[in-house]
Amino acid sequence: MGKVITIPITAQHLQSRIIAVLIRDNPALRVDFATIYADAIIDYLAASANIRENGSVVLHPRTGAPIDNPYLRVRVSAIAQMAAAKGVRVVIGAWECARGGDL
């Protein structure tokens, strides 16, 4: 399995920033849906970084046998959560924020 990646700012701080941008860009959006979407963005970015670093196929930590990178499932789950999000229409600002851009 791959290494655990660290995000320069805390996940909670990043989540708060993304939620603020989502609500700013989608005024009718409920906070709970914004939170779910923000968590999905964070999960997606972390999973994608792990897959880029370690590849789609990794070695099992105990047996050394090749296996699908477990983060593939995390990324697919995050995509499904974002696709199912209700009330989220404008997301470009949230993605910019998640990637380290300004609010």
N, C-alpha and C. Protein backbone atom coordinates (compact mmCIF):
# COMPACT_ATOMS: atom_id res chain seq x y z
N MET A 1 0.84 -1.16 0.00
CA MET A 1 0.00 0.00 0.00
C MET A 1 0.89 1.23 0.00
N GLY A 2 0.38 2.33 -0.50
CA GLY A 2 1.16 3.56 -0.60
C GLY A 2 1.32 4.26 0.73
N LYS A 3 2.11 5.32 0.68
CA LYS A 3 2.34 6.12 1.87
C LYS A 3 1.13 7.01 2.14
N VAL A 4 0.96 7.39 3.38
CA VAL A 4 -0.08 8.34 3.73
C VAL A 4 0.46 9.72 3.40
N ILE A 5 -0.34 10.49 2.67
CA ILE A 5 0.13 11.83 2.32
C ILE A 5 -0.31 12.83 3.37
N THR A 6 0.44 13.89 3.50
CA THR A 6 0.07 14.95 4.43
C THR A 6 -0.31 16.19 3.64
N ILE A 7 -1.31 16.86 4.08
CA ILE A 7 -1.76 18.10 3.45
C ILE A 7 -1.18 19.25 4.27
N PRO A 8 -0.60 20.25 3.61
CA PRO A 8 0.08 21.33 4.33
C PRO A 8 -0.80 22.02 5.38
N ILE A 9 -2.05 22.28 5.07
CA ILE A 9 -2.94 22.86 6.07
C ILE A 9 -3.82 21.74 6.59
N THR A 10 -4.37 21.93 7.75
CA THR A 10 -5.18 20.86 8.33
C THR A 10 -6.42 20.61 7.48
N ALA A 11 -6.86 19.37 7.47
CA ALA A 11 -8.03 19.01 6.69
C ALA A 11 -9.26 19.79 7.15
N GLN A 12 -9.36 20.04 8.45
CA GLN A 12 -10.51 20.77 8.97
C GLN A 12 -10.51 22.21 8.46
N HIS A 13 -9.33 22.82 8.42
CA HIS A 13 -9.24 24.19 7.91
C HIS A 13 -9.58 24.22 6.42
N LEU A 14 -9.05 23.27 5.68
CA LEU A 14 -9.35 23.19 4.25
C LEU A 14 -10.84 22.96 4.03
N GLN A 15 -11.42 22.06 4.81
CA GLN A 15 -12.85 21.79 4.69
C GLN A 15 -13.65 23.07 4.93
N SER A 16 -13.31 23.83 5.95
CA SER A 16 -14.02 25.08 6.26
C SER A 16 -13.93 26.07 5.11
N ARG A 17 -12.74 26.18 4.51
CA ARG A 17 -12.57 27.09 3.39
C ARG A 17 -13.41 26.67 2.19
N ILE A 18 -13.40 25.36 1.90
CA ILE A 18 -14.17 24.88 0.75
C ILE A 18 -15.66 25.08 0.98
N ILE A 19 -16.13 24.80 2.19
CA ILE A 19 -17.56 25.01 2.51
C ILE A 19 -17.93 26.47 2.31
N ALA A 20 -17.09 27.38 2.79
CA ALA A 20 -17.37 28.81 2.65
C ALA A 20 -17.49 29.20 1.17
N VAL A 21 -16.62 28.68 0.34
CA VAL A 21 -16.66 29.00 -1.09
C VAL A 21 -17.90 28.38 -1.74
N LEU A 22 -18.22 27.14 -1.38
CA LEU A 22 -19.41 26.50 -1.95
C LEU A 22 -20.68 27.28 -1.60
N ILE A 23 -20.79 27.71 -0.36
CA ILE A 23 -21.99 28.45 0.06
C ILE A 23 -22.01 29.84 -0.58
N ARG A 24 -20.82 30.44 -0.72
CA ARG A 24 -20.76 31.75 -1.39
C ARG A 24 -21.24 31.62 -2.84
N ASP A 25 -20.81 30.58 -3.53
CA ASP A 25 -21.14 30.40 -4.94
C ASP A 25 -22.50 29.75 -5.17
N ASN A 26 -23.05 29.12 -4.14
CA ASN A 26 -24.36 28.46 -4.22
C ASN A 26 -25.18 28.89 -3.00
N PRO A 27 -25.74 30.10 -3.01
CA PRO A 27 -26.38 30.65 -1.81
C PRO A 27 -27.49 29.80 -1.21
N ALA A 28 -28.18 29.02 -2.01
CA ALA A 28 -29.27 28.20 -1.49
C ALA A 28 -28.79 26.85 -0.95
N LEU A 29 -27.51 26.58 -1.04
CA LEU A 29 -26.97 25.29 -0.63
C LEU A 29 -27.00 25.13 0.89
N ARG A 30 -27.49 23.99 1.34
CA ARG A 30 -27.50 23.69 2.77
C ARG A 30 -26.08 23.36 3.23
N VAL A 31 -25.78 23.69 4.47
CA VAL A 31 -24.44 23.47 5.02
C VAL A 31 -24.09 21.98 5.04
N ASP A 32 -25.06 21.12 5.33
CA ASP A 32 -24.74 19.68 5.37
C ASP A 32 -24.33 19.15 3.99
N PHE A 33 -25.01 19.61 2.94
CA PHE A 33 -24.62 19.18 1.59
C PHE A 33 -23.27 19.77 1.20
N ALA A 34 -23.01 21.00 1.61
CA ALA A 34 -21.71 21.62 1.33
C ALA A 34 -20.60 20.85 2.04
N THR A 35 -20.87 20.40 3.25
CA THR A 35 -19.87 19.63 4.01
C THR A 35 -19.57 18.30 3.33
N ILE A 36 -20.60 17.62 2.89
CA ILE A 36 -20.41 16.34 2.19
C ILE A 36 -19.59 16.56 0.92
N TYR A 37 -19.92 17.60 0.17
CA TYR A 37 -19.20 17.88 -1.07
C TYR A 37 -17.75 18.24 -0.78
N ALA A 38 -17.52 19.06 0.25
CA ALA A 38 -16.16 19.45 0.61
C ALA A 38 -15.34 18.23 1.01
N ASP A 39 -15.92 17.35 1.80
CA ASP A 39 -15.22 16.11 2.19
C ASP A 39 -14.88 15.26 0.97
N ALA A 40 -15.81 15.20 0.01
CA ALA A 40 -15.57 14.43 -1.20
C ALA A 40 -14.43 15.02 -2.02
N ILE A 41 -14.34 16.34 -2.09
CA ILE A 41 -13.23 16.99 -2.80
C ILE A 41 -11.91 16.63 -2.14
N ILE A 42 -11.87 16.72 -0.82
CA ILE A 42 -10.63 16.42 -0.08
C ILE A 42 -10.24 14.96 -0.28
N ASP A 43 -11.21 14.05 -0.19
CA ASP A 43 -10.93 12.63 -0.41
C ASP A 43 -10.42 12.38 -1.83
N TYR A 44 -11.06 13.01 -2.80
CA TYR A 44 -10.67 12.84 -4.20
C TYR A 44 -9.24 13.29 -4.42
N LEU A 45 -8.90 14.47 -3.92
CA LEU A 45 -7.55 14.99 -4.12
C LEU A 45 -6.49 14.13 -3.44
N ALA A 46 -6.78 13.67 -2.22
CA ALA A 46 -5.83 12.81 -1.50
C ALA A 46 -5.65 11.47 -2.23
N ALA A 47 -6.76 10.89 -2.68
CA ALA A 47 -6.69 9.61 -3.39
C ALA A 47 -5.95 9.76 -4.71
N SER A 48 -6.23 10.83 -5.43
CA SER A 48 -5.56 11.05 -6.71
C SER A 48 -4.06 11.24 -6.52
N ALA A 49 -3.67 11.95 -5.48
CA ALA A 49 -2.24 12.14 -5.20
C ALA A 49 -1.57 10.81 -4.90
N ASN A 50 -2.25 9.96 -4.13
CA ASN A 50 -1.68 8.65 -3.80
C ASN A 50 -1.54 7.79 -5.06
N ILE A 51 -2.53 7.83 -5.92
CA ILE A 51 -2.49 7.03 -7.15
C ILE A 51 -1.38 7.54 -8.08
N ARG A 52 -1.22 8.87 -8.18
CA ARG A 52 -0.13 9.42 -8.99
C ARG A 52 1.23 8.98 -8.46
N GLU A 53 1.36 8.99 -7.13
CA GLU A 53 2.64 8.66 -6.50
C GLU A 53 2.96 7.17 -6.56
N ASN A 54 1.95 6.32 -6.35
CA ASN A 54 2.19 4.89 -6.21
C ASN A 54 1.69 4.04 -7.37
N GLY A 55 0.90 4.62 -8.24
CA GLY A 55 0.36 3.87 -9.37
C GLY A 55 -0.96 3.18 -9.05
N SER A 56 -1.57 2.63 -10.08
CA SER A 56 -2.86 1.95 -9.92
C SER A 56 -2.72 0.56 -9.33
N VAL A 57 -1.55 -0.02 -9.50
CA VAL A 57 -1.28 -1.35 -8.94
C VAL A 57 -0.13 -1.20 -7.95
N VAL A 58 -0.35 -1.70 -6.72
CA VAL A 58 0.66 -1.62 -5.66
C VAL A 58 0.90 -3.02 -5.11
N LEU A 59 1.89 -3.14 -4.27
CA LEU A 59 2.19 -4.43 -3.65
C LEU A 59 1.49 -4.54 -2.30
N HIS A 60 0.91 -5.70 -2.06
CA HIS A 60 0.26 -5.95 -0.77
C HIS A 60 1.32 -5.85 0.32
N PRO A 61 1.01 -5.15 1.43
CA PRO A 61 2.03 -4.94 2.47
C PRO A 61 2.54 -6.22 3.14
N ARG A 62 1.72 -7.25 3.24
CA ARG A 62 2.17 -8.50 3.89
C ARG A 62 2.70 -9.53 2.91
N THR A 63 1.99 -9.71 1.80
CA THR A 63 2.35 -10.80 0.89
C THR A 63 3.24 -10.35 -0.26
N GLY A 64 3.23 -9.08 -0.57
CA GLY A 64 4.01 -8.58 -1.70
C GLY A 64 3.36 -8.84 -3.05
N ALA A 65 2.16 -9.41 -3.05
CA ALA A 65 1.44 -9.67 -4.29
C ALA A 65 0.89 -8.35 -4.86
N PRO A 66 0.85 -8.21 -6.17
CA PRO A 66 0.28 -7.00 -6.76
C PRO A 66 -1.23 -6.94 -6.54
N ILE A 67 -1.71 -5.78 -6.16
CA ILE A 67 -3.15 -5.56 -5.94
C ILE A 67 -3.50 -4.18 -6.50
N ASP A 68 -4.79 -3.98 -6.74
CA ASP A 68 -5.25 -2.64 -7.11
C ASP A 68 -5.00 -1.70 -5.94
N ASN A 69 -4.55 -0.51 -6.24
CA ASN A 69 -4.34 0.49 -5.20
C ASN A 69 -5.69 0.75 -4.51
N PRO A 70 -5.77 0.60 -3.19
CA PRO A 70 -7.03 0.83 -2.47
C PRO A 70 -7.59 2.24 -2.66
N TYR A 71 -6.72 3.18 -2.99
CA TYR A 71 -7.18 4.55 -3.19
C TYR A 71 -8.00 4.71 -4.47
N LEU A 72 -7.95 3.73 -5.36
CA LEU A 72 -8.83 3.76 -6.53
C LEU A 72 -10.29 3.75 -6.08
N ARG A 73 -10.60 2.91 -5.09
CA ARG A 73 -11.97 2.85 -4.56
C ARG A 73 -12.36 4.14 -3.86
N VAL A 74 -11.41 4.73 -3.14
CA VAL A 74 -11.68 6.00 -2.46
C VAL A 74 -12.03 7.08 -3.49
N ARG A 75 -11.25 7.13 -4.56
CA ARG A 75 -11.48 8.14 -5.60
C ARG A 75 -12.83 7.94 -6.27
N VAL A 76 -13.17 6.69 -6.59
CA VAL A 76 -14.46 6.40 -7.22
C VAL A 76 -15.61 6.79 -6.28
N SER A 77 -15.46 6.49 -5.00
CA SER A 77 -16.48 6.85 -4.02
C SER A 77 -16.65 8.37 -3.93
N ALA A 78 -15.54 9.09 -3.95
CA ALA A 78 -15.61 10.56 -3.88
C ALA A 78 -16.32 11.12 -5.11
N ILE A 79 -16.03 10.56 -6.27
CA ILE A 79 -16.70 11.01 -7.50
C ILE A 79 -18.20 10.76 -7.41
N ALA A 80 -18.59 9.60 -6.89
CA ALA A 80 -20.02 9.28 -6.74
C ALA A 80 -20.70 10.22 -5.76
N GLN A 81 -20.02 10.56 -4.67
CA GLN A 81 -20.59 11.49 -3.70
C GLN A 81 -20.79 12.87 -4.32
N MET A 82 -19.81 13.32 -5.09
CA MET A 82 -19.94 14.64 -5.72
C MET A 82 -21.05 14.63 -6.77
N ALA A 83 -21.17 13.54 -7.52
CA ALA A 83 -22.21 13.45 -8.55
C ALA A 83 -23.61 13.44 -7.93
N ALA A 84 -23.72 12.87 -6.74
CA ALA A 84 -25.02 12.77 -6.07
C ALA A 84 -25.36 14.00 -5.23
N ALA A 85 -24.44 14.93 -5.12
CA ALA A 85 -24.66 16.11 -4.26
C ALA A 85 -25.86 16.91 -4.74
N LYS A 86 -26.70 17.27 -3.80
CA LYS A 86 -27.90 18.03 -4.13
C LYS A 86 -27.65 19.51 -3.92
N GLY A 87 -28.03 20.30 -4.89
CA GLY A 87 -27.96 21.75 -4.76
C GLY A 87 -26.62 22.37 -5.09
N VAL A 88 -25.62 21.55 -5.41
CA VAL A 88 -24.31 22.10 -5.75
C VAL A 88 -24.28 22.31 -7.26
N ARG A 89 -24.19 23.56 -7.67
CA ARG A 89 -24.19 23.88 -9.09
C ARG A 89 -22.86 24.50 -9.53
N VAL A 90 -22.33 25.41 -8.73
CA VAL A 90 -21.10 26.10 -9.09
C VAL A 90 -19.98 25.57 -8.19
N VAL A 91 -19.00 24.91 -8.82
CA VAL A 91 -17.96 24.26 -8.02
C VAL A 91 -16.54 24.71 -8.37
N ILE A 92 -16.39 25.53 -9.38
CA ILE A 92 -15.04 25.91 -9.82
C ILE A 92 -14.28 26.60 -8.69
N GLY A 93 -14.93 27.49 -7.97
CA GLY A 93 -14.28 28.18 -6.86
C GLY A 93 -13.85 27.22 -5.76
N ALA A 94 -14.65 26.21 -5.49
CA ALA A 94 -14.32 25.24 -4.45
C ALA A 94 -13.10 24.42 -4.84
N TRP A 95 -13.01 24.05 -6.11
CA TRP A 95 -11.85 23.28 -6.57
C TRP A 95 -10.59 24.14 -6.53
N GLU A 96 -10.70 25.41 -6.90
CA GLU A 96 -9.55 26.33 -6.82
C GLU A 96 -9.08 26.45 -5.39
N CYS A 97 -10.02 26.59 -4.48
CA CYS A 97 -9.69 26.69 -3.05
C CYS A 97 -9.01 25.42 -2.56
N ALA A 98 -9.53 24.27 -2.97
CA ALA A 98 -8.96 22.99 -2.53
C ALA A 98 -7.55 22.79 -3.04
N ARG A 99 -7.26 23.36 -4.19
CA ARG A 99 -5.92 23.22 -4.77
C ARG A 99 -4.97 24.31 -4.28
N GLY A 100 -5.43 25.11 -3.32
CA GLY A 100 -4.55 26.11 -2.73
C GLY A 100 -4.75 27.52 -3.25
N GLY A 101 -5.78 27.73 -4.03
CA GLY A 101 -6.05 29.07 -4.58
C GLY A 101 -6.71 29.96 -3.55
N ASP A 102 -6.93 31.18 -3.91
CA ASP A 102 -7.55 32.16 -3.02
C ASP A 102 -9.06 31.97 -2.99
N LEU A 103 -9.64 32.47 -1.89
CA LEU A 103 -11.09 32.46 -1.79
C LEU A 103 -11.60 33.52 -2.71
